[in-house]
Amino acid sequence: MSQIKYTALVMAANRPGIVNPIAEKTGVSHKCLAPANGIPMLQRVVDCLRRADAVGRIVVSVEDPAVVDQVPALAALRASGEIETVASGANLFESVVMASDYAGPEGHPIIFTTADNALHTPELIDYFAEEVTASGVDVAVAMTPREAVAETYPEEAASASYHKLRDGDFSNCNLYAITRPEAVNVAKVMKTGGQFRIKPFRVLKAFGLWALIAYKMGWVSLADIGAGVGKRFGIKIQVIPLPFADGPIDADNLKSYALVDSLLARREGRAA
């Protein structure tokens, strides 16, 4: 196993001016605090990262540290210095830049994840980190092939969202890595929130007309994605396939939140 330790940045802030339906339904201030099988999702993500061998430092990007302190277990970890917080920005890009500026001076590579990735495991994080280290790329994006999801969750795989590419269907895992500070500019393509499959005209805005046509026609391969983004920003980027069915399943809306809750209950037994 590689001796390189990654700083893990957990994006946990609310979107400015938006009332999240999951937070509203569960009676909490932030979606990340909503319980998934009895445990706040942010706590689950932090626990996962603490148990991952590849992670040496954990930083939570959020509007106010008081949000984290609403969870007693996380408040204790923050008080002991085992986790840190950094202020979030006005949008995803600004939050990434601010978090990278805070976490980057020591020169550690950075893994970005989100606070609703409640199904991720230490094994998944370590696999991704090892692949990033071995690849030598500046930026890495994790995606899971449809087959991996279908093998474990055949019913869920049928309704999941995928990028339909030339070499198969892949779903984004909301898991990224940046290994050198200059590469943070690639986050500009996510400034409006990403979701290229749901809102393809964001492809047009980010990469141009030809990229949109190629994407819509299914002419783009997994390798093409990395090559296209890398060429634009002058960096080496790679999409890394993950053989983990839980990788792309996050609590993005009420339906997927219910799915995450039920899958955790299936994995752990229903909490009291």
C-alpha atoms as a PDB file:
ATOM      1  CA  MET A   1       0.000   0.000   0.000  1.00  0.00           C
ATOM      2  CA  SER A   2       1.229   3.491  -0.800  1.00  0.00           C
ATOM      3  CA  GLN A   3       2.622   5.546   2.101  1.00  0.00           C
ATOM      4  CA  ILE A   4       1.167   8.758   0.659  1.00  0.00           C
ATOM      5  CA  LYS A   5      -1.425  10.273   2.963  1.00  0.00           C
ATOM      6  CA  TYR A   6      -4.288  12.307   1.541  1.00  0.00           C
ATOM      7  CA  THR A   7      -6.129  15.222   3.089  1.00  0.00           C
ATOM      8  CA  ALA A   8      -9.839  14.487   2.851  1.00  0.00           C
ATOM      9  CA  LEU A   9     -12.111  17.486   2.264  1.00  0.00           C
ATOM     10  CA  VAL A  10     -15.792  16.900   3.018  1.00  0.00           C
ATOM     11  CA  MET A  11     -18.162  19.335   1.291  1.00  0.00           C
ATOM     12  CA  ALA A  12     -21.001  19.788   3.806  1.00  0.00           C
ATOM     13  CA  ALA A  13     -22.434  23.301   3.320  1.00  0.00           C
ATOM     14  CA  ASN A  14     -25.993  24.140   2.349  1.00  0.00           C
ATOM     15  CA  ARG A  15     -26.524  25.769  -1.022  1.00  0.00           C
ATOM     16  CA  PRO A  16     -27.091  29.486  -0.387  1.00  0.00           C
ATOM     17  CA  GLY A  17     -30.744  30.518  -0.441  1.00  0.00           C
ATOM     18  CA  ILE A  18     -32.067  26.975  -0.903  1.00  0.00           C
ATOM     19  CA  VAL A  19     -34.078  24.998   1.665  1.00  0.00           C
ATOM     20  CA  ASN A  20     -32.993  21.409   1.256  1.00  0.00           C
ATOM     21  CA  PRO A  21     -35.989  19.018   1.226  1.00  0.00           C
ATOM     22  CA  ILE A  22     -34.084  16.266   3.082  1.00  0.00           C
ATOM     23  CA  ALA A  23     -33.141  18.683   5.880  1.00  0.00           C
ATOM     24  CA  GLU A  24     -36.705  19.984   5.986  1.00  0.00           C
ATOM     25  CA  LYS A  25     -38.200  16.500   6.144  1.00  0.00           C
ATOM     26  CA  THR A  26     -35.877  15.328   8.925  1.00  0.00           C
ATOM     27  CA  GLY A  27     -36.033  18.539  10.953  1.00  0.00           C
ATOM     28  CA  VAL A  28     -32.343  19.493  10.775  1.00  0.00           C
ATOM     29  CA  SER A  29     -30.585  22.639   9.581  1.00  0.00           C
ATOM     30  CA  HIS A  30     -28.378  20.902   6.982  1.00  0.00           C
ATOM     31  CA  LYS A  31     -28.833  17.866   4.768  1.00  0.00           C
ATOM     32  CA  CYS A  32     -25.551  16.470   6.057  1.00  0.00           C
ATOM     33  CA  LEU A  33     -27.090  16.210   9.545  1.00  0.00           C
ATOM     34  CA  ALA A  34     -30.022  14.064   8.388  1.00  0.00           C
ATOM     35  CA  PRO A  35     -29.852  10.585   9.931  1.00  0.00           C
ATOM     36  CA  ALA A  36     -29.223   7.587   7.704  1.00  0.00           C
ATOM     37  CA  ASN A  37     -30.234   4.456   9.596  1.00  0.00           C
ATOM     38  CA  GLY A  38     -29.978   6.446  12.803  1.00  0.00           C
ATOM     39  CA  ILE A  39     -26.606   8.153  12.304  1.00  0.00           C
ATOM     40  CA  PRO A  40     -26.091  11.638  10.777  1.00  0.00           C
ATOM     41  CA  MET A  41     -24.704  11.327   7.262  1.00  0.00           C
ATOM     42  CA  LEU A  42     -21.790  13.667   7.987  1.00  0.00           C
ATOM     43  CA  GLN A  43     -20.785  11.504  10.946  1.00  0.00           C
ATOM     44  CA  ARG A  44     -20.863   8.438   8.699  1.00  0.00           C
ATOM     45  CA  VAL A  45     -18.623  10.083   6.106  1.00  0.00           C
ATOM     46  CA  VAL A  46     -16.140  11.281   8.734  1.00  0.00           C
ATOM     47  CA  ASP A  47     -16.050   7.832  10.377  1.00  0.00           C
ATOM     48  CA  CYS A  48     -15.399   6.255   6.986  1.00  0.00           C
ATOM     49  CA  LEU A  49     -12.493   8.615   6.298  1.00  0.00           C
ATOM     50  CA  ARG A  50     -11.007   8.125   9.778  1.00  0.00           C
ATOM     51  CA  ARG A  51     -10.844   4.375   9.117  1.00  0.00           C
ATOM     52  CA  ALA A  52      -9.309   4.746   5.654  1.00  0.00           C
ATOM     53  CA  ASP A  53      -5.554   4.036   5.660  1.00  0.00           C
ATOM     54  CA  ALA A  54      -4.935   6.559   2.872  1.00  0.00           C
ATOM     55  CA  VAL A  55      -6.352   9.537   4.795  1.00  0.00           C
ATOM     56  CA  GLY A  56      -4.120  11.507   7.133  1.00  0.00           C
ATOM     57  CA  ARG A  57      -6.217  14.617   7.732  1.00  0.00           C
ATOM     58  CA  ILE A  58      -9.938  15.441   7.566  1.00  0.00           C
ATOM     59  CA  VAL A  59     -11.338  18.925   6.884  1.00  0.00           C
ATOM     60  CA  VAL A  60     -15.066  19.726   6.673  1.00  0.00           C
ATOM     61  CA  SER A  61     -16.116  22.642   4.439  1.00  0.00           C
ATOM     62  CA  VAL A  62     -19.195  24.249   6.010  1.00  0.00           C
ATOM     63  CA  GLU A  63     -20.624  27.725   6.692  1.00  0.00           C
ATOM     64  CA  ASP A  64     -20.037  27.584  10.434  1.00  0.00           C
ATOM     65  CA  PRO A  65     -18.260  25.083  12.742  1.00  0.00           C
ATOM     66  CA  ALA A  66     -21.404  25.154  14.887  1.00  0.00           C
ATOM     67  CA  VAL A  67     -23.074  22.999  12.221  1.00  0.00           C
ATOM     68  CA  VAL A  68     -20.562  20.222  12.859  1.00  0.00           C
ATOM     69  CA  ASP A  69     -20.848  20.669  16.624  1.00  0.00           C
ATOM     70  CA  GLN A  70     -24.552  19.801  16.484  1.00  0.00           C
ATOM     71  CA  VAL A  71     -23.399  16.172  16.314  1.00  0.00           C
ATOM     72  CA  PRO A  72     -21.835  15.307  19.716  1.00  0.00           C
ATOM     73  CA  ALA A  73     -19.410  12.735  18.286  1.00  0.00           C
ATOM     74  CA  LEU A  74     -18.148  15.235  15.701  1.00  0.00           C
ATOM     75  CA  ALA A  75     -17.933  18.047  18.254  1.00  0.00           C
ATOM     76  CA  ALA A  76     -15.640  15.831  20.317  1.00  0.00           C
ATOM     77  CA  LEU A  77     -13.473  15.047  17.294  1.00  0.00           C
ATOM     78  CA  ARG A  78     -13.217  18.727  16.403  1.00  0.00           C
ATOM     79  CA  ALA A  79     -12.331  19.661  19.987  1.00  0.00           C
ATOM     80  CA  SER A  80      -9.544  17.066  19.994  1.00  0.00           C
ATOM     81  CA  GLY A  81      -8.206  18.252  16.627  1.00  0.00           C
ATOM     82  CA  GLU A  82      -9.001  14.981  14.825  1.00  0.00           C
ATOM     83  CA  ILE A  83     -11.136  16.873  12.335  1.00  0.00           C
ATOM     84  CA  GLU A  84     -11.007  20.511  11.233  1.00  0.00           C
ATOM     85  CA  THR A  85     -13.425  22.897   9.577  1.00  0.00           C
ATOM     86  CA  VAL A  86     -12.973  25.560   6.901  1.00  0.00           C
ATOM     87  CA  ALA A  87     -15.498  28.165   5.799  1.00  0.00           C
ATOM     88  CA  SER A  88     -17.409  27.344   2.621  1.00  0.00           C
ATOM     89  CA  GLY A  89     -17.800  29.766  -0.287  1.00  0.00           C
ATOM     90  CA  ALA A  90     -20.764  31.186  -2.181  1.00  0.00           C
ATOM     91  CA  ASN A  91     -20.765  28.228  -4.613  1.00  0.00           C
ATOM     92  CA  LEU A  92     -19.100  24.868  -5.113  1.00  0.00           C
ATOM     93  CA  PHE A  93     -16.091  26.263  -6.975  1.00  0.00           C
ATOM     94  CA  GLU A  94     -15.366  28.901  -4.344  1.00  0.00           C
ATOM     95  CA  SER A  95     -15.763  26.302  -1.597  1.00  0.00           C
ATOM     96  CA  VAL A  96     -13.268  24.000  -3.335  1.00  0.00           C
ATOM     97  CA  VAL A  97     -10.765  26.836  -3.792  1.00  0.00           C
ATOM     98  CA  MET A  98     -11.100  28.034  -0.192  1.00  0.00           C
ATOM     99  CA  ALA A  99     -10.798  24.499   1.167  1.00  0.00           C
ATOM    100  CA  SER A 100      -7.807  23.770  -1.080  1.00  0.00           C
ATOM    101  CA  ASP A 101      -6.068  26.968   0.029  1.00  0.00           C
ATOM    102  CA  TYR A 102      -6.618  25.937   3.640  1.00  0.00           C
ATOM    103  CA  ALA A 103      -5.593  22.305   3.280  1.00  0.00           C
ATOM    104  CA  GLY A 104      -3.017  22.547   0.522  1.00  0.00           C
ATOM    105  CA  PRO A 105       0.060  24.345   1.944  1.00  0.00           C
ATOM    106  CA  GLU A 106       1.547  21.142   3.375  1.00  0.00           C
ATOM    107  CA  GLY A 107       1.634  19.700  -0.120  1.00  0.00           C
ATOM    108  CA  HIS A 108      -0.543  16.690   0.614  1.00  0.00           C
ATOM    109  CA  PRO A 109      -2.745  15.436  -2.216  1.00  0.00           C
ATOM    110  CA  ILE A 110      -6.434  16.064  -1.593  1.00  0.00           C
ATOM    111  CA  ILE A 111      -9.481  13.834  -1.857  1.00  0.00           C
ATOM    112  CA  PHE A 112     -12.809  15.642  -2.180  1.00  0.00           C
ATOM    113  CA  THR A 113     -15.995  13.912  -1.116  1.00  0.00           C
ATOM    114  CA  THR A 114     -19.476  15.027  -0.106  1.00  0.00           C
ATOM    115  CA  ALA A 115     -21.288  14.745   3.202  1.00  0.00           C
ATOM    116  CA  ASP A 116     -24.132  12.717   1.676  1.00  0.00           C
ATOM    117  CA  ASN A 117     -21.867   9.840   0.547  1.00  0.00           C
ATOM    118  CA  ALA A 118     -23.120   7.843   3.521  1.00  0.00           C
ATOM    119  CA  LEU A 119     -22.612   4.467   1.810  1.00  0.00           C
ATOM    120  CA  HIS A 120     -18.909   4.899   1.098  1.00  0.00           C
ATOM    121  CA  THR A 121     -16.519   2.570   2.916  1.00  0.00           C
ATOM    122  CA  PRO A 122     -12.835   2.794   3.930  1.00  0.00           C
ATOM    123  CA  GLU A 123     -12.083   0.110   1.330  1.00  0.00           C
ATOM    124  CA  LEU A 124     -13.600   2.279  -1.414  1.00  0.00           C
ATOM    125  CA  ILE A 125     -11.612   5.345  -0.310  1.00  0.00           C
ATOM    126  CA  ASP A 126      -8.350   3.385  -0.094  1.00  0.00           C
ATOM    127  CA  TYR A 127      -8.910   1.797  -3.508  1.00  0.00           C
ATOM    128  CA  PHE A 128      -9.467   5.187  -5.104  1.00  0.00           C
ATOM    129  CA  ALA A 129      -6.435   6.728  -3.381  1.00  0.00           C
ATOM    130  CA  GLU A 130      -4.190   3.857  -4.456  1.00  0.00           C
ATOM    131  CA  GLU A 131      -5.345   4.185  -8.061  1.00  0.00           C
ATOM    132  CA  VAL A 132      -4.766   7.940  -8.004  1.00  0.00           C
ATOM    133  CA  THR A 133      -1.270   7.504  -6.591  1.00  0.00           C
ATOM    134  CA  ALA A 134      -0.376   4.808  -9.110  1.00  0.00           C
ATOM    135  CA  SER A 135      -1.692   6.825 -12.055  1.00  0.00           C
ATOM    136  CA  GLY A 136       0.431   9.900 -11.363  1.00  0.00           C
ATOM    137  CA  VAL A 137      -2.352  12.217 -12.563  1.00  0.00           C
ATOM    138  CA  ASP A 138      -3.050  15.770 -11.412  1.00  0.00           C
ATOM    139  CA  VAL A 139      -6.803  15.251 -11.082  1.00  0.00           C
ATOM    140  CA  ALA A 140      -8.880  12.089 -10.762  1.00  0.00           C
ATOM    141  CA  VAL A 141     -12.630  11.487 -10.911  1.00  0.00           C
ATOM    142  CA  ALA A 142     -14.272   8.325  -9.591  1.00  0.00           C
ATOM    143  CA  MET A 143     -17.046   6.632 -11.557  1.00  0.00           C
ATOM    144  CA  THR A 144     -18.703   3.231 -11.209  1.00  0.00           C
ATOM    145  CA  PRO A 145     -19.795   1.124 -14.191  1.00  0.00           C
ATOM    146  CA  ARG A 146     -23.432   0.077 -14.400  1.00  0.00           C
ATOM    147  CA  GLU A 147     -22.424  -3.597 -14.189  1.00  0.00           C
ATOM    148  CA  ALA A 148     -20.913  -3.119 -10.730  1.00  0.00           C
ATOM    149  CA  VAL A 149     -24.132  -1.572  -9.414  1.00  0.00           C
ATOM    150  CA  ALA A 150     -26.358  -4.140 -11.126  1.00  0.00           C
ATOM    151  CA  GLU A 151     -24.448  -7.069  -9.657  1.00  0.00           C
ATOM    152  CA  THR A 152     -25.254  -5.984  -6.092  1.00  0.00           C
ATOM    153  CA  TYR A 153     -28.393  -3.849  -6.507  1.00  0.00           C
ATOM    154  CA  PRO A 154     -30.177  -5.001  -9.685  1.00  0.00           C
ATOM    155  CA  GLU A 155     -33.383  -3.083  -8.932  1.00  0.00           C
ATOM    156  CA  GLU A 156     -31.588   0.139  -8.017  1.00  0.00           C
ATOM    157  CA  ALA A 157     -29.313  -0.104 -11.072  1.00  0.00           C
ATOM    158  CA  ALA A 158     -32.296   0.021 -13.399  1.00  0.00           C
ATOM    159  CA  SER A 159     -33.352   3.456 -12.157  1.00  0.00           C
ATOM    160  CA  ALA A 160     -29.925   5.003 -11.493  1.00  0.00           C
ATOM    161  CA  SER A 161     -28.454   7.876 -13.517  1.00  0.00           C
ATOM    162  CA  TYR A 162     -25.565   7.163 -15.898  1.00  0.00           C
ATOM    163  CA  HIS A 163     -23.277   8.868 -18.365  1.00  0.00           C
ATOM    164  CA  LYS A 164     -23.802   6.819 -21.530  1.00  0.00           C
ATOM    165  CA  LEU A 165     -20.325   6.579 -23.019  1.00  0.00           C
ATOM    166  CA  ARG A 166     -18.797   4.697 -25.919  1.00  0.00           C
ATOM    167  CA  ASP A 167     -17.304   2.070 -23.623  1.00  0.00           C
ATOM    168  CA  GLY A 168     -20.266   1.626 -21.299  1.00  0.00           C
ATOM    169  CA  ASP A 169     -22.537   3.369 -18.817  1.00  0.00           C
ATOM    170  CA  PHE A 170     -20.893   5.009 -15.809  1.00  0.00           C
ATOM    171  CA  SER A 171     -22.231   6.836 -12.776  1.00  0.00           C
ATOM    172  CA  ASN A 172     -20.389   9.602 -10.935  1.00  0.00           C
ATOM    173  CA  CYS A 173     -19.375   8.872  -7.335  1.00  0.00           C
ATOM    174  CA  ASN A 174     -18.927  12.480  -6.105  1.00  0.00           C
ATOM    175  CA  LEU A 175     -15.352  11.528  -5.262  1.00  0.00           C
ATOM    176  CA  TYR A 176     -12.394  13.460  -6.686  1.00  0.00           C
ATOM    177  CA  ALA A 177      -8.677  13.910  -6.100  1.00  0.00           C
ATOM    178  CA  ILE A 178      -6.254  16.756  -6.773  1.00  0.00           C
ATOM    179  CA  THR A 179      -2.552  16.033  -6.379  1.00  0.00           C
ATOM    180  CA  ARG A 180      -1.055  19.468  -7.070  1.00  0.00           C
ATOM    181  CA  PRO A 181      -2.413  22.928  -6.177  1.00  0.00           C
ATOM    182  CA  GLU A 182      -2.412  24.276  -9.750  1.00  0.00           C
ATOM    183  CA  ALA A 183      -4.945  21.649 -10.756  1.00  0.00           C
ATOM    184  CA  VAL A 184      -7.686  23.132  -8.575  1.00  0.00           C
ATOM    185  CA  ASN A 185      -8.776  25.273 -11.548  1.00  0.00           C
ATOM    186  CA  VAL A 186     -10.442  22.192 -13.011  1.00  0.00           C
ATOM    187  CA  ALA A 187     -13.125  22.729 -10.357  1.00  0.00           C
ATOM    188  CA  LYS A 188     -14.311  25.675 -12.457  1.00  0.00           C
ATOM    189  CA  VAL A 189     -16.300  23.223 -14.584  1.00  0.00           C
ATOM    190  CA  MET A 190     -18.343  22.461 -11.448  1.00  0.00           C
ATOM    191  CA  LYS A 191     -19.003  26.132 -10.610  1.00  0.00           C
ATOM    192  CA  THR A 192     -22.697  25.837 -11.441  1.00  0.00           C
ATOM    193  CA  GLY A 193     -23.059  22.474  -9.718  1.00  0.00           C
ATOM    194  CA  GLY A 194     -22.092  20.014 -12.434  1.00  0.00           C
ATOM    195  CA  GLN A 195     -24.923  17.552 -13.179  1.00  0.00           C
ATOM    196  CA  PHE A 196     -23.896  17.326 -16.839  1.00  0.00           C
ATOM    197  CA  ARG A 197     -26.087  14.296 -17.475  1.00  0.00           C
ATOM    198  CA  ILE A 198     -29.198  15.993 -16.067  1.00  0.00           C
ATOM    199  CA  LYS A 199     -28.432  19.393 -17.621  1.00  0.00           C
ATOM    200  CA  PRO A 200     -26.356  18.694 -20.745  1.00  0.00           C
ATOM    201  CA  PHE A 201     -26.212  22.322 -21.834  1.00  0.00           C
ATOM    202  CA  ARG A 202     -23.729  22.757 -19.016  1.00  0.00           C
ATOM    203  CA  VAL A 203     -21.439  20.668 -21.228  1.00  0.00           C
ATOM    204  CA  LEU A 204     -21.887  23.331 -23.915  1.00  0.00           C
ATOM    205  CA  LYS A 205     -21.010  26.110 -21.481  1.00  0.00           C
ATOM    206  CA  ALA A 206     -18.019  24.279 -20.020  1.00  0.00           C
ATOM    207  CA  PHE A 207     -16.496  22.601 -23.087  1.00  0.00           C
ATOM    208  CA  GLY A 208     -18.126  23.900 -26.255  1.00  0.00           C
ATOM    209  CA  LEU A 209     -20.540  22.743 -28.953  1.00  0.00           C
ATOM    210  CA  TRP A 210     -18.496  19.806 -30.261  1.00  0.00           C
ATOM    211  CA  ALA A 211     -18.188  18.355 -26.766  1.00  0.00           C
ATOM    212  CA  LEU A 212     -21.946  18.602 -26.274  1.00  0.00           C
ATOM    213  CA  ILE A 213     -22.658  16.858 -29.578  1.00  0.00           C
ATOM    214  CA  ALA A 214     -20.125  14.115 -28.890  1.00  0.00           C
ATOM    215  CA  TYR A 215     -21.511  13.569 -25.400  1.00  0.00           C
ATOM    216  CA  LYS A 216     -25.156  13.446 -26.523  1.00  0.00           C
ATOM    217  CA  MET A 217     -24.301  11.028 -29.346  1.00  0.00           C
ATOM    218  CA  GLY A 218     -22.404   8.675 -27.068  1.00  0.00           C
ATOM    219  CA  TRP A 219     -19.149   9.144 -28.963  1.00  0.00           C
ATOM    220  CA  VAL A 220     -17.154   9.949 -25.828  1.00  0.00           C
ATOM    221  CA  SER A 221     -15.237   7.239 -23.967  1.00  0.00           C
ATOM    222  CA  LEU A 222     -14.112   7.192 -20.356  1.00  0.00           C
ATOM    223  CA  ALA A 223     -10.577   8.089 -21.452  1.00  0.00           C
ATOM    224  CA  ASP A 224     -11.894  10.906 -23.680  1.00  0.00           C
ATOM    225  CA  ILE A 225     -13.429  12.654 -20.676  1.00  0.00           C
ATOM    226  CA  GLY A 226     -10.078  12.921 -18.935  1.00  0.00           C
ATOM    227  CA  ALA A 227      -8.249  13.864 -22.114  1.00  0.00           C
ATOM    228  CA  GLY A 228     -10.769  16.578 -23.029  1.00  0.00           C
ATOM    229  CA  VAL A 229     -10.825  18.259 -19.638  1.00  0.00           C
ATOM    230  CA  GLY A 230      -7.067  17.868 -19.250  1.00  0.00           C
ATOM    231  CA  LYS A 231      -6.373  19.504 -22.607  1.00  0.00           C
ATOM    232  CA  ARG A 232      -8.502  22.515 -21.721  1.00  0.00           C
ATOM    233  CA  PHE A 233      -6.779  23.120 -18.392  1.00  0.00           C
ATOM    234  CA  GLY A 234      -3.297  21.905 -19.263  1.00  0.00           C
ATOM    235  CA  ILE A 235      -3.241  19.122 -16.688  1.00  0.00           C
ATOM    236  CA  LYS A 236      -3.263  15.347 -16.573  1.00  0.00           C
ATOM    237  CA  ILE A 237      -6.692  14.041 -15.576  1.00  0.00           C
ATOM    238  CA  GLN A 238      -8.108  10.538 -15.455  1.00  0.00           C
ATOM    239  CA  VAL A 239     -11.461   8.948 -14.727  1.00  0.00           C
ATOM    240  CA  ILE A 240     -10.947   5.987 -12.398  1.00  0.00           C
ATOM    241  CA  PRO A 241     -13.564   3.203 -12.492  1.00  0.00           C
ATOM    242  CA  LEU A 242     -14.509   1.893  -9.056  1.00  0.00           C
ATOM    243  CA  PRO A 243     -15.700  -1.711  -8.634  1.00  0.00           C
ATOM    244  CA  PHE A 244     -17.962  -0.736  -5.726  1.00  0.00           C
ATOM    245  CA  ALA A 245     -21.739  -0.775  -6.105  1.00  0.00           C
ATOM    246  CA  ASP A 246     -22.201   1.769  -3.308  1.00  0.00           C
ATOM    247  CA  GLY A 247     -19.909   4.321  -4.969  1.00  0.00           C
ATOM    248  CA  PRO A 248     -22.472   6.382  -6.931  1.00  0.00           C
ATOM    249  CA  ILE A 249     -25.417   6.087  -4.531  1.00  0.00           C
ATOM    250  CA  ASP A 250     -25.770   9.256  -2.473  1.00  0.00           C
ATOM    251  CA  ALA A 251     -28.624  11.141  -0.810  1.00  0.00           C
ATOM    252  CA  ASP A 252     -29.257  13.721  -3.510  1.00  0.00           C
ATOM    253  CA  ASN A 253     -33.027  14.016  -3.075  1.00  0.00           C
ATOM    254  CA  LEU A 254     -35.827  12.510  -0.982  1.00  0.00           C
ATOM    255  CA  LYS A 255     -36.036   9.371  -3.120  1.00  0.00           C
ATOM    256  CA  SER A 256     -32.301   8.654  -3.048  1.00  0.00           C
ATOM    257  CA  TYR A 257     -32.166   9.551   0.658  1.00  0.00           C
ATOM    258  CA  ALA A 258     -34.787   6.870   1.347  1.00  0.00           C
ATOM    259  CA  LEU A 259     -32.724   4.452  -0.752  1.00  0.00           C
ATOM    260  CA  VAL A 260     -29.530   5.216   1.194  1.00  0.00           C
ATOM    261  CA  ASP A 261     -31.405   4.741   4.475  1.00  0.00           C
ATOM    262  CA  SER A 262     -32.839   1.392   3.342  1.00  0.00           C
ATOM    263  CA  LEU A 263     -29.487   0.121   1.995  1.00  0.00           C
ATOM    264  CA  LEU A 264     -27.774   0.961   5.275  1.00  0.00           C
ATOM    265  CA  ALA A 265     -30.537  -0.852   7.146  1.00  0.00           C
ATOM    266  CA  ARG A 266     -29.966  -3.829   4.854  1.00  0.00           C
ATOM    267  CA  ARG A 267     -26.222  -3.662   5.542  1.00  0.00           C
ATOM    268  CA  GLU A 268     -26.393  -3.026   9.296  1.00  0.00           C
ATOM    269  CA  GLY A 269     -29.854  -4.031  10.455  1.00  0.00           C
ATOM    270  CA  ARG A 270     -32.513  -1.421  11.109  1.00  0.00           C
ATOM    271  CA  ALA A 271     -31.538   0.991  13.902  1.00  0.00           C
ATOM    272  CA  ALA A 272     -33.883   1.301  16.859  1.00  0.00           C
END
